[in-house]
PDB file of N, CA and C in Angstrom:
ATOM      1  N   MET A   1    -195.609  67.740  -7.682  1.00  0.00           N
ATOM      2  CA  MET A   1    -194.315  67.220  -8.066  1.00  0.00           C
ATOM      3  C   MET A   1    -194.341  66.946  -9.565  1.00  0.00           C
ATOM      4  N   LYS A   2    -193.299  67.343 -10.206  1.00  0.00           N
ATOM      5  CA  LYS A   2    -193.166  67.140 -11.646  1.00  0.00           C
ATOM      6  C   LYS A   2    -192.655  65.726 -11.911  1.00  0.00           C
ATOM      7  N   PRO A   3    -192.951  65.187 -13.109  1.00  0.00           N
ATOM      8  CA  PRO A   3    -192.452  63.844 -13.423  1.00  0.00           C
ATOM      9  C   PRO A   3    -190.929  63.738 -13.352  1.00  0.00           C
ATOM     10  N   ARG A   4    -190.233  64.804 -13.705  1.00  0.00           N
ATOM     11  CA  ARG A   4    -188.770  64.783 -13.654  1.00  0.00           C
ATOM     12  C   ARG A   4    -188.281  64.586 -12.221  1.00  0.00           C
ATOM     13  N   GLU A   5    -188.979  65.189 -11.270  1.00  0.00           N
ATOM     14  CA  GLU A   5    -188.594  65.031  -9.870  1.00  0.00           C
ATOM     15  C   GLU A   5    -188.909  63.628  -9.367  1.00  0.00           C
ATOM     16  N   GLY A   6    -190.000  63.058  -9.849  1.00  0.00           N
ATOM     17  CA  GLY A   6    -190.323  61.681  -9.486  1.00  0.00           C
ATOM     18  C   GLY A   6    -189.284  60.697  -9.990  1.00  0.00           C
ATOM     19  N   TRP A   7    -188.807  60.938 -11.217  1.00  0.00           N
ATOM     20  CA  TRP A   7    -187.757  60.068 -11.754  1.00  0.00           C
ATOM     21  C   TRP A   7    -186.463  60.210 -10.956  1.00  0.00           C
ATOM     22  N   LEU A   8    -186.185  61.412 -10.504  1.00  0.00           N
ATOM     23  CA  LEU A   8    -184.991  61.634  -9.684  1.00  0.00           C
ATOM     24  C   LEU A   8    -185.079  60.845  -8.378  1.00  0.00           C
ATOM     25  N   LEU A   9    -186.248  60.839  -7.755  1.00  0.00           N
ATOM     26  CA  LEU A   9    -186.424  60.083  -6.506  1.00  0.00           C
ATOM     27  C   LEU A   9    -186.330  58.579  -6.759  1.00  0.00           C
ATOM     28  N   LEU A  10    -186.873  58.126  -7.893  1.00  0.00           N
ATOM     29  CA  LEU A  10    -186.773  56.712  -8.242  1.00  0.00           C
ATOM     30  C   LEU A  10    -185.319  56.308  -8.460  1.00  0.00           C
ATOM     31  N   LEU A  11    -184.569  57.132  -9.170  1.00  0.00           N
ATOM     32  CA  LEU A  11    -183.155  56.827  -9.397  1.00  0.00           C
ATOM     33  C   LEU A  11    -182.344  56.875  -8.101  1.00  0.00           C
ATOM     34  N   ALA A  12    -182.746  57.740  -7.179  1.00  0.00           N
ATOM     35  CA  ALA A  12    -182.068  57.777  -5.879  1.00  0.00           C
ATOM     36  C   ALA A  12    -182.312  56.473  -5.118  1.00  0.00           C
ATOM     37  N   TYR A  13    -183.527  55.934  -5.210  1.00  0.00           N
ATOM     38  CA  TYR A  13    -183.831  54.665  -4.542  1.00  0.00           C
ATOM     39  C   TYR A  13    -183.003  53.533  -5.157  1.00  0.00           C
ATOM     40  N   VAL A  14    -182.924  53.496  -6.473  1.00  0.00           N
ATOM     41  CA  VAL A  14    -182.144  52.455  -7.154  1.00  0.00           C
ATOM     42  C   VAL A  14    -180.657  52.604  -6.809  1.00  0.00           C
ATOM     43  N   ALA A  15    -180.158  53.825  -6.755  1.00  0.00           N
ATOM     44  CA  ALA A  15    -178.753  54.039  -6.383  1.00  0.00           C
ATOM     45  C   ALA A  15    -178.495  53.571  -4.955  1.00  0.00           C
ATOM     46  N   GLY A  16    -179.456  53.790  -4.075  1.00  0.00           N
ATOM     47  CA  GLY A  16    -179.302  53.304  -2.701  1.00  0.00           C
ATOM     48  C   GLY A  16    -179.278  51.788  -2.629  1.00  0.00           C
ATOM     49  N   LEU A  17    -180.122  51.139  -3.438  1.00  0.00           N
ATOM     50  CA  LEU A  17    -180.110  49.678  -3.458  1.00  0.00           C
ATOM     51  C   LEU A  17    -178.808  49.142  -4.034  1.00  0.00           C
ATOM     52  N   LEU A  18    -178.316  49.785  -5.075  1.00  0.00           N
ATOM     53  CA  LEU A  18    -177.044  49.340  -5.661  1.00  0.00           C
ATOM     54  C   LEU A  18    -175.867  49.605  -4.728  1.00  0.00           C
ATOM     55  N   ALA A  19    -175.973  50.606  -3.899  1.00  0.00           N
ATOM     56  CA  ALA A  19    -174.886  50.935  -2.975  1.00  0.00           C
ATOM     57  C   ALA A  19    -174.718  49.873  -1.893  1.00  0.00           C
ATOM     58  N   THR A  20    -175.727  49.041  -1.685  1.00  0.00           N
ATOM     59  CA  THR A  20    -175.574  47.981  -0.678  1.00  0.00           C
ATOM     60  C   THR A  20    -174.570  46.930  -1.121  1.00  0.00           C
ATOM     61  N   GLY A  21    -174.258  46.879  -2.405  1.00  0.00           N
ATOM     62  CA  GLY A  21    -173.257  45.935  -2.899  1.00  0.00           C
ATOM     63  C   GLY A  21    -171.835  46.354  -2.580  1.00  0.00           C
ATOM     64  N   LEU A  22    -171.651  47.590  -2.164  1.00  0.00           N
ATOM     65  CA  LEU A  22    -170.316  48.059  -1.793  1.00  0.00           C
ATOM     66  C   LEU A  22    -170.004  47.629  -0.357  1.00  0.00           C
ATOM     67  N   PRO A  23    -168.802  47.157  -0.111  1.00  0.00           N
ATOM     68  CA  PRO A  23    -168.483  46.623   1.218  1.00  0.00           C
ATOM     69  C   PRO A  23    -168.107  47.682   2.247  1.00  0.00           C
ATOM     70  N   TRP A  24    -168.596  48.886   2.108  1.00  0.00           N
ATOM     71  CA  TRP A  24    -168.241  49.957   3.040  1.00  0.00           C
ATOM     72  C   TRP A  24    -169.206  49.971   4.201  1.00  0.00           C
ATOM     73  N   VAL A  25    -168.776  49.468   5.338  1.00  0.00           N
ATOM     74  CA  VAL A  25    -169.604  49.464   6.551  1.00  0.00           C
ATOM     75  C   VAL A  25    -168.741  49.920   7.712  1.00  0.00           C
ATOM     76  N   TYR A  26    -169.293  50.811   8.525  1.00  0.00           N
ATOM     77  CA  TYR A  26    -168.572  51.309   9.696  1.00  0.00           C
ATOM     78  C   TYR A  26    -169.501  51.219  10.891  1.00  0.00           C
ATOM     79  N   HIS A  27    -169.218  50.323  11.822  1.00  0.00           N
ATOM     80  CA  HIS A  27    -170.037  50.091  13.007  1.00  0.00           C
ATOM     81  C   HIS A  27    -171.493  49.819  12.638  1.00  0.00           C
ATOM     82  N   GLY A  28    -171.712  49.053  11.579  1.00  0.00           N
ATOM     83  CA  GLY A  28    -173.059  48.689  11.165  1.00  0.00           C
ATOM     84  C   GLY A  28    -173.753  49.696  10.272  1.00  0.00           C
ATOM     85  N   TRP A  29    -173.143  50.847  10.012  1.00  0.00           N
ATOM     86  CA  TRP A  29    -173.744  51.862   9.153  1.00  0.00           C
ATOM     87  C   TRP A  29    -173.132  51.755   7.758  1.00  0.00           C
ATOM     88  N   PRO A  30    -173.974  51.690   6.729  1.00  0.00           N
ATOM     89  CA  PRO A  30    -173.432  51.628   5.360  1.00  0.00           C
ATOM     90  C   PRO A  30    -172.886  52.993   4.936  1.00  0.00           C
ATOM     91  N   LEU A  31    -171.586  53.063   4.765  1.00  0.00           N
ATOM     92  CA  LEU A  31    -170.960  54.336   4.415  1.00  0.00           C
ATOM     93  C   LEU A  31    -171.372  54.815   3.030  1.00  0.00           C
ATOM     94  N   ALA A  32    -171.684  53.892   2.125  1.00  0.00           N
ATOM     95  CA  ALA A  32    -172.126  54.303   0.796  1.00  0.00           C
ATOM     96  C   ALA A  32    -173.447  55.059   0.891  1.00  0.00           C
ATOM     97  N   GLY A  33    -174.334  54.644   1.778  1.00  0.00           N
ATOM     98  CA  GLY A  33    -175.592  55.359   1.972  1.00  0.00           C
ATOM     99  C   GLY A  33    -175.382  56.723   2.589  1.00  0.00           C
ATOM    100  N   VAL A  34    -174.435  56.820   3.511  1.00  0.00           N
ATOM    101  CA  VAL A  34    -174.119  58.110   4.129  1.00  0.00           C
ATOM    102  C   VAL A  34    -173.519  59.047   3.085  1.00  0.00           C
ATOM    103  N   VAL A  35    -172.680  58.503   2.200  1.00  0.00           N
ATOM    104  CA  VAL A  35    -172.094  59.313   1.129  1.00  0.00           C
ATOM    105  C   VAL A  35    -173.186  59.805   0.183  1.00  0.00           C
ATOM    106  N   LEU A  36    -174.131  58.931  -0.165  1.00  0.00           N
ATOM    107  CA  LEU A  36    -175.227  59.352  -1.041  1.00  0.00           C
ATOM    108  C   LEU A  36    -176.079  60.438  -0.389  1.00  0.00           C
ATOM    109  N   PHE A  37    -176.316  60.324   0.902  1.00  0.00           N
ATOM    110  CA  PHE A  37    -177.059  61.374   1.592  1.00  0.00           C
ATOM    111  C   PHE A  37    -176.268  62.685   1.587  1.00  0.00           C
ATOM    112  N   GLY A  38    -174.977  62.603   1.787  1.00  0.00           N
ATOM    113  CA  GLY A  38    -174.132  63.792   1.744  1.00  0.00           C
ATOM    114  C   GLY A  38    -174.119  64.446   0.374  1.00  0.00           C
ATOM    115  N   VAL A  39    -174.077  63.623  -0.670  1.00  0.00           N
ATOM    116  CA  VAL A  39    -174.130  64.167  -2.031  1.00  0.00           C
ATOM    117  C   VAL A  39    -175.460  64.870  -2.266  1.00  0.00           C
ATOM    118  N   GLY A  40    -176.553  64.280  -1.775  1.00  0.00           N
ATOM    119  CA  GLY A  40    -177.860  64.918  -1.910  1.00  0.00           C
ATOM    120  C   GLY A  40    -177.933  66.229  -1.151  1.00  0.00           C
ATOM    121  N   ALA A  41    -177.330  66.279   0.035  1.00  0.00           N
ATOM    122  CA  ALA A  41    -177.338  67.520   0.826  1.00  0.00           C
ATOM    123  C   ALA A  41    -176.495  68.607   0.171  1.00  0.00           C
ATOM    124  N   ILE A  42    -175.343  68.235  -0.348  1.00  0.00           N
ATOM    125  CA  ILE A  42    -174.501  69.214  -1.032  1.00  0.00           C
ATOM    126  C   ILE A  42    -175.176  69.706  -2.309  1.00  0.00           C
ATOM    127  N   ALA A  43    -175.809  68.786  -3.033  1.00  0.00           N
ATOM    128  CA  ALA A  43    -176.536  69.184  -4.248  1.00  0.00           C
ATOM    129  C   ALA A  43    -177.703  70.101  -3.906  1.00  0.00           C
ATOM    130  N   ALA A  44    -178.365  69.858  -2.772  1.00  0.00           N
ATOM    131  CA  ALA A  44    -179.482  70.712  -2.363  1.00  0.00           C
ATOM    132  C   ALA A  44    -179.007  72.117  -2.030  1.00  0.00           C
ATOM    133  N   LEU A  45    -177.801  72.247  -1.554  1.00  0.00           N
ATOM    134  CA  LEU A  45    -177.272  73.566  -1.221  1.00  0.00           C
ATOM    135  C   LEU A  45    -176.720  74.301  -2.445  1.00  0.00           C
ATOM    136  N   ALA A  46    -176.031  73.578  -3.318  1.00  0.00           N
ATOM    137  CA  ALA A  46    -175.294  74.236  -4.392  1.00  0.00           C
ATOM    138  C   ALA A  46    -176.030  74.276  -5.721  1.00  0.00           C
ATOM    139  N   LEU A  47    -176.729  73.215  -6.072  1.00  0.00           N
ATOM    140  CA  LEU A  47    -177.279  73.105  -7.417  1.00  0.00           C
ATOM    141  C   LEU A  47    -178.329  74.160  -7.751  1.00  0.00           C
ATOM    142  N   PRO A  48    -179.268  74.496  -6.869  1.00  0.00           N
ATOM    143  CA  PRO A  48    -180.231  75.545  -7.246  1.00  0.00           C
ATOM    144  C   PRO A  48    -179.590  76.908  -7.496  1.00  0.00           C
ATOM    145  N   ARG A  49    -178.442  77.166  -6.914  1.00  0.00           N
ATOM    146  CA  ARG A  49    -177.752  78.445  -7.147  1.00  0.00           C
ATOM    147  C   ARG A  49    -176.956  78.441  -8.446  1.00  0.00           C
ATOM    148  N   LEU A  50    -176.502  77.250  -8.859  1.00  0.00           N
ATOM    149  CA  LEU A  50    -175.661  77.166 -10.047  1.00  0.00           C
ATOM    150  C   LEU A  50    -176.453  76.904 -11.328  1.00  0.00           C
ATOM    151  N   TRP A  51    -177.591  76.265 -11.224  1.00  0.00           N
ATOM    152  CA  TRP A  51    -178.344  75.853 -12.410  1.00  0.00           C
ATOM    153  C   TRP A  51    -179.797  76.241 -12.211  1.00  0.00           C
ATOM    154  N   TRP A  52    -180.311  77.107 -13.035  1.00  0.00           N
ATOM    155  CA  TRP A  52    -181.659  77.643 -12.838  1.00  0.00           C
ATOM    156  C   TRP A  52    -182.745  76.626 -13.131  1.00  0.00           C
ATOM    157  N   LYS A  53    -182.446  75.533 -13.855  1.00  0.00           N
ATOM    158  CA  LYS A  53    -183.447  74.500 -14.150  1.00  0.00           C
ATOM    159  C   LYS A  53    -183.346  73.303 -13.200  1.00  0.00           C
ATOM    160  N   SER A  54    -182.598  73.425 -12.150  1.00  0.00           N
ATOM    161  CA  SER A  54    -182.409  72.291 -11.242  1.00  0.00           C
ATOM    162  C   SER A  54    -183.693  72.015 -10.459  1.00  0.00           C
ATOM    163  N   PRO A  55    -183.837  70.789  -9.971  1.00  0.00           N
ATOM    164  CA  PRO A  55    -184.968  70.496  -9.086  1.00  0.00           C
ATOM    165  C   PRO A  55    -184.865  71.324  -7.808  1.00  0.00           C
ATOM    166  N   PRO A  56    -185.964  71.516  -7.113  1.00  0.00           N
ATOM    167  CA  PRO A  56    -185.901  72.282  -5.856  1.00  0.00           C
ATOM    168  C   PRO A  56    -184.983  71.607  -4.830  1.00  0.00           C
ATOM    169  N   ALA A  57    -184.494  72.393  -3.915  1.00  0.00           N
ATOM    170  CA  ALA A  57    -183.559  71.886  -2.904  1.00  0.00           C
ATOM    171  C   ALA A  57    -184.208  70.799  -2.050  1.00  0.00           C
ATOM    172  N   ARG A  58    -185.494  70.934  -1.745  1.00  0.00           N
ATOM    173  CA  ARG A  58    -186.159  69.911  -0.921  1.00  0.00           C
ATOM    174  C   ARG A  58    -186.202  68.568  -1.633  1.00  0.00           C
ATOM    175  N   VAL A  59    -186.343  68.565  -2.961  1.00  0.00           N
ATOM    176  CA  VAL A  59    -186.366  67.313  -3.720  1.00  0.00           C
ATOM    177  C   VAL A  59    -184.983  66.677  -3.727  1.00  0.00           C
ATOM    178  N   LEU A  60    -183.944  67.473  -3.867  1.00  0.00           N
ATOM    179  CA  LEU A  60    -182.585  66.935  -3.858  1.00  0.00           C
ATOM    180  C   LEU A  60    -182.225  66.365  -2.487  1.00  0.00           C
ATOM    181  N   LEU A  61    -182.634  67.048  -1.440  1.00  0.00           N
ATOM    182  CA  LEU A  61    -182.387  66.547  -0.091  1.00  0.00           C
ATOM    183  C   LEU A  61    -183.186  65.268   0.167  1.00  0.00           C
ATOM    184  N   LEU A  62    -184.418  65.237  -0.333  1.00  0.00           N
ATOM    185  CA  LEU A  62    -185.237  64.033  -0.192  1.00  0.00           C
ATOM    186  C   LEU A  62    -184.647  62.866  -0.980  1.00  0.00           C
ATOM    187  N   ALA A  63    -184.051  63.155  -2.130  1.00  0.00           N
ATOM    188  CA  ALA A  63    -183.405  62.097  -2.913  1.00  0.00           C
ATOM    189  C   ALA A  63    -182.226  61.496  -2.142  1.00  0.00           C
ATOM    190  N   GLY A  64    -181.441  62.325  -1.492  1.00  0.00           N
ATOM    191  CA  GLY A  64    -180.340  61.809  -0.677  1.00  0.00           C
ATOM    192  C   GLY A  64    -180.832  60.991   0.498  1.00  0.00           C
ATOM    193  N   LEU A  65    -181.918  61.434   1.109  1.00  0.00           N
ATOM    194  CA  LEU A  65    -182.492  60.691   2.232  1.00  0.00           C
ATOM    195  C   LEU A  65    -183.061  59.356   1.772  1.00  0.00           C
ATOM    196  N   ILE A  66    -183.715  59.342   0.625  1.00  0.00           N
ATOM    197  CA  ILE A  66    -184.265  58.096   0.090  1.00  0.00           C
ATOM    198  C   ILE A  66    -183.152  57.112  -0.237  1.00  0.00           C
ATOM    199  N   ALA A  67    -182.054  57.595  -0.803  1.00  0.00           N
ATOM    200  CA  ALA A  67    -180.923  56.714  -1.113  1.00  0.00           C
ATOM    201  C   ALA A  67    -180.342  56.112   0.163  1.00  0.00           C
ATOM    202  N   PHE A  68    -180.237  56.911   1.209  1.00  0.00           N
ATOM    203  CA  PHE A  68    -179.711  56.402   2.477  1.00  0.00           C
ATOM    204  C   PHE A  68    -180.655  55.367   3.095  1.00  0.00           C
ATOM    205  N   VAL A  69    -181.939  55.659   3.090  1.00  0.00           N
ATOM    206  CA  VAL A  69    -182.913  54.728   3.668  1.00  0.00           C
ATOM    207  C   VAL A  69    -182.980  53.445   2.854  1.00  0.00           C
ATOM    208  N   ALA A  70    -182.781  53.528   1.539  1.00  0.00           N
ATOM    209  CA  ALA A  70    -182.793  52.323   0.705  1.00  0.00           C
ATOM    210  C   ALA A  70    -181.651  51.391   1.071  1.00  0.00           C
ATOM    211  N   THR A  71    -180.480  51.943   1.416  1.00  0.00           N
ATOM    212  CA  THR A  71    -179.372  51.078   1.825  1.00  0.00           C
ATOM    213  C   THR A  71    -179.686  50.364   3.132  1.00  0.00           C
ATOM    214  N   LEU A  72    -180.326  51.063   4.047  1.00  0.00           N
ATOM    215  CA  LEU A  72    -180.713  50.433   5.310  1.00  0.00           C
ATOM    216  C   LEU A  72    -181.826  49.416   5.109  1.00  0.00           C
ATOM    217  N   TYR A  73    -182.797  49.753   4.256  1.00  0.00           N
ATOM    218  CA  TYR A  73    -183.967  48.899   4.062  1.00  0.00           C
ATOM    219  C   TYR A  73    -183.578  47.558   3.449  1.00  0.00           C
ATOM    220  N   LEU A  74    -182.733  47.569   2.425  1.00  0.00           N
ATOM    221  CA  LEU A  74    -182.350  46.308   1.797  1.00  0.00           C
ATOM    222  C   LEU A  74    -181.546  45.446   2.762  1.00  0.00           C
ATOM    223  N   SER A  75    -180.678  46.057   3.531  1.00  0.00           N
ATOM    224  CA  SER A  75    -179.899  45.293   4.509  1.00  0.00           C
ATOM    225  C   SER A  75    -180.807  44.698   5.585  1.00  0.00           C
ATOM    226  N   TRP A  76    -181.837  45.421   5.948  1.00  0.00           N
ATOM    227  CA  TRP A  76    -182.760  44.955   6.989  1.00  0.00           C
ATOM    228  C   TRP A  76    -183.673  43.856   6.474  1.00  0.00           C
ATOM    229  N   ARG A  77    -184.101  43.922   5.210  1.00  0.00           N
ATOM    230  CA  ARG A  77    -185.071  42.982   4.667  1.00  0.00           C
ATOM    231  C   ARG A  77    -184.446  41.743   4.024  1.00  0.00           C
ATOM    232  N   THR A  78    -183.135  41.667   3.907  1.00  0.00           N
ATOM    233  CA  THR A  78    -182.497  40.488   3.330  1.00  0.00           C
ATOM    234  C   THR A  78    -182.595  39.341   4.333  1.00  0.00           C
ATOM    235  N   PRO A  79    -183.162  38.207   3.905  1.00  0.00           N
ATOM    236  CA  PRO A  79    -183.322  37.104   4.853  1.00  0.00           C
ATOM    237  C   PRO A  79    -181.985  36.466   5.225  1.00  0.00           C
ATOM    238  N   GLN A  80    -181.892  36.049   6.469  1.00  0.00           N
ATOM    239  CA  GLN A  80    -180.710  35.372   6.981  1.00  0.00           C
ATOM    240  C   GLN A  80    -181.144  33.980   7.468  1.00  0.00           C
ATOM    241  N   PRO A  81    -180.343  32.954   7.214  1.00  0.00           N
ATOM    242  CA  PRO A  81    -180.726  31.623   7.680  1.00  0.00           C
ATOM    243  C   PRO A  81    -180.683  31.537   9.207  1.00  0.00           C
ATOM    244  N   GLY A  82    -181.672  30.872   9.750  1.00  0.00           N
ATOM    245  CA  GLY A  82    -181.751  30.697  11.188  1.00  0.00           C
ATOM    246  C   GLY A  82    -180.819  29.603  11.673  1.00  0.00           C
ATOM    247  N   PRO A  83    -180.757  29.379  12.981  1.00  0.00           N
ATOM    248  CA  PRO A  83    -179.840  28.362  13.512  1.00  0.00           C
ATOM    249  C   PRO A  83    -180.238  26.939  13.128  1.00  0.00           C
ATOM    250  N   LYS A  84    -181.508  26.693  12.824  1.00  0.00           N
ATOM    251  CA  LYS A  84    -181.956  25.351  12.453  1.00  0.00           C
ATOM    252  C   LYS A  84    -182.277  25.245  10.964  1.00  0.00           C
ATOM    253  N   ASP A  85    -181.752  26.144  10.169  1.00  0.00           N
ATOM    254  CA  ASP A  85    -182.012  26.143   8.735  1.00  0.00           C
ATOM    255  C   ASP A  85    -181.309  24.963   8.074  1.00  0.00           C
ATOM    256  N   VAL A  86    -181.922  24.410   7.031  1.00  0.00           N
ATOM    257  CA  VAL A  86    -181.362  23.250   6.350  1.00  0.00           C
ATOM    258  C   VAL A  86    -180.030  23.591   5.670  1.00  0.00           C
ATOM    259  N   SER A  87    -179.798  24.821   5.340  1.00  0.00           N
ATOM    260  CA  SER A  87    -178.542  25.193   4.688  1.00  0.00           C
ATOM    261  C   SER A  87    -177.347  25.038   5.618  1.00  0.00           C
ATOM    262  N   ARG A  88    -177.574  24.987   6.891  1.00  0.00           N
ATOM    263  CA  ARG A  88    -176.471  24.795   7.849  1.00  0.00           C
ATOM    264  C   ARG A  88    -176.019  23.340   7.914  1.00  0.00           C
ATOM    265  N   LEU A  89    -176.811  22.406   7.356  1.00  0.00           N
ATOM    266  CA  LEU A  89    -176.440  20.997   7.353  1.00  0.00           C
ATOM    267  C   LEU A  89    -175.426  20.664   6.267  1.00  0.00           C
ATOM    268  N   ILE A  90    -175.294  21.517   5.275  1.00  0.00           N
ATOM    269  CA  ILE A  90    -174.356  21.271   4.189  1.00  0.00           C
ATOM    270  C   ILE A  90    -172.961  21.668   4.658  1.00  0.00           C
ATOM    271  N   PRO A  91    -172.004  20.737   4.616  1.00  0.00           N
ATOM    272  CA  PRO A  91    -170.654  21.092   5.066  1.00  0.00           C
ATOM    273  C   PRO A  91    -170.007  22.057   4.077  1.00  0.00           C
ATOM    274  N   ALA A  92    -169.084  22.831   4.583  1.00  0.00           N
ATOM    275  CA  ALA A  92    -168.356  23.782   3.732  1.00  0.00           C
ATOM    276  C   ALA A  92    -167.488  23.023   2.734  1.00  0.00           C
ATOM    277  N   GLU A  93    -167.237  23.629   1.596  1.00  0.00           N
ATOM    278  CA  GLU A  93    -166.448  22.995   0.570  1.00  0.00           C
ATOM    279  C   GLU A  93    -165.024  22.752   1.067  1.00  0.00           C
ATOM    280  N   GLY A  94    -164.519  21.567   0.839  1.00  0.00           N
ATOM    281  CA  GLY A  94    -163.173  21.218   1.268  1.00  0.00           C
ATOM    282  C   GLY A  94    -163.119  20.727   2.708  1.00  0.00           C
ATOM    283  N   LYS A  95    -164.253  20.510   3.359  1.00  0.00           N
ATOM    284  CA  LYS A  95    -164.267  20.053   4.747  1.00  0.00           C
ATOM    285  C   LYS A  95    -164.705  18.584   4.812  1.00  0.00           C
ATOM    286  N   GLY A  96    -164.256  17.782   3.868  1.00  0.00           N
ATOM    287  CA  GLY A  96    -164.577  16.366   3.895  1.00  0.00           C
ATOM    288  C   GLY A  96    -165.982  16.062   3.371  1.00  0.00           C
ATOM    289  N   SER A  97    -166.463  16.856   2.480  1.00  0.00           N
ATOM    290  CA  SER A  97    -167.794  16.650   1.918  1.00  0.00           C
ATOM    291  C   SER A  97    -167.764  15.463   0.954  1.00  0.00           C
ATOM    292  N   PRO A  98    -168.703  14.518   1.108  1.00  0.00           N
ATOM    293  CA  PRO A  98    -168.724  13.378   0.174  1.00  0.00           C
ATOM    294  C   PRO A  98    -169.335  13.741  -1.177  1.00  0.00           C
ATOM    295  N   TYR A  99    -169.862  14.922  -1.288  1.00  0.00           N
ATOM    296  CA  TYR A  99    -170.555  15.321  -2.516  1.00  0.00           C
ATOM    297  C   TYR A  99    -169.640  16.200  -3.368  1.00  0.00           C
ATOM    298  N   ARG A 100    -169.616  15.897  -4.641  1.00  0.00           N
ATOM    299  CA  ARG A 100    -168.827  16.687  -5.597  1.00  0.00           C
ATOM    300  C   ARG A 100    -169.779  17.363  -6.564  1.00  0.00           C
ATOM    301  N   LEU A 101    -169.498  18.623  -6.873  1.00  0.00           N
ATOM    302  CA  LEU A 101    -170.328  19.347  -7.848  1.00  0.00           C
ATOM    303  C   LEU A 101    -169.617  19.465  -9.162  1.00  0.00           C
TER     304      LEU A 101
END
């Protein structure tokens, strides 16, 4: 693998992580990740035919897959407070809280 291809895979991972900030979710699937995978698949089909210096099709397809998996991975690894977490003891703002910030 050439360094240029490694950078492409790294940027695909970062794009997948940034795509988790988009509120596009359909039945629990991040649509932004699916779109990134689709862009990688289309690029794998078209780019090697249009540009002779393009990365190989397998690298472009792998970049789309990495971007999709990154959206799932960040969503899976983000911690969620449990039912007995101390953050649940703080009342919501405007619900009679005696504390002012």
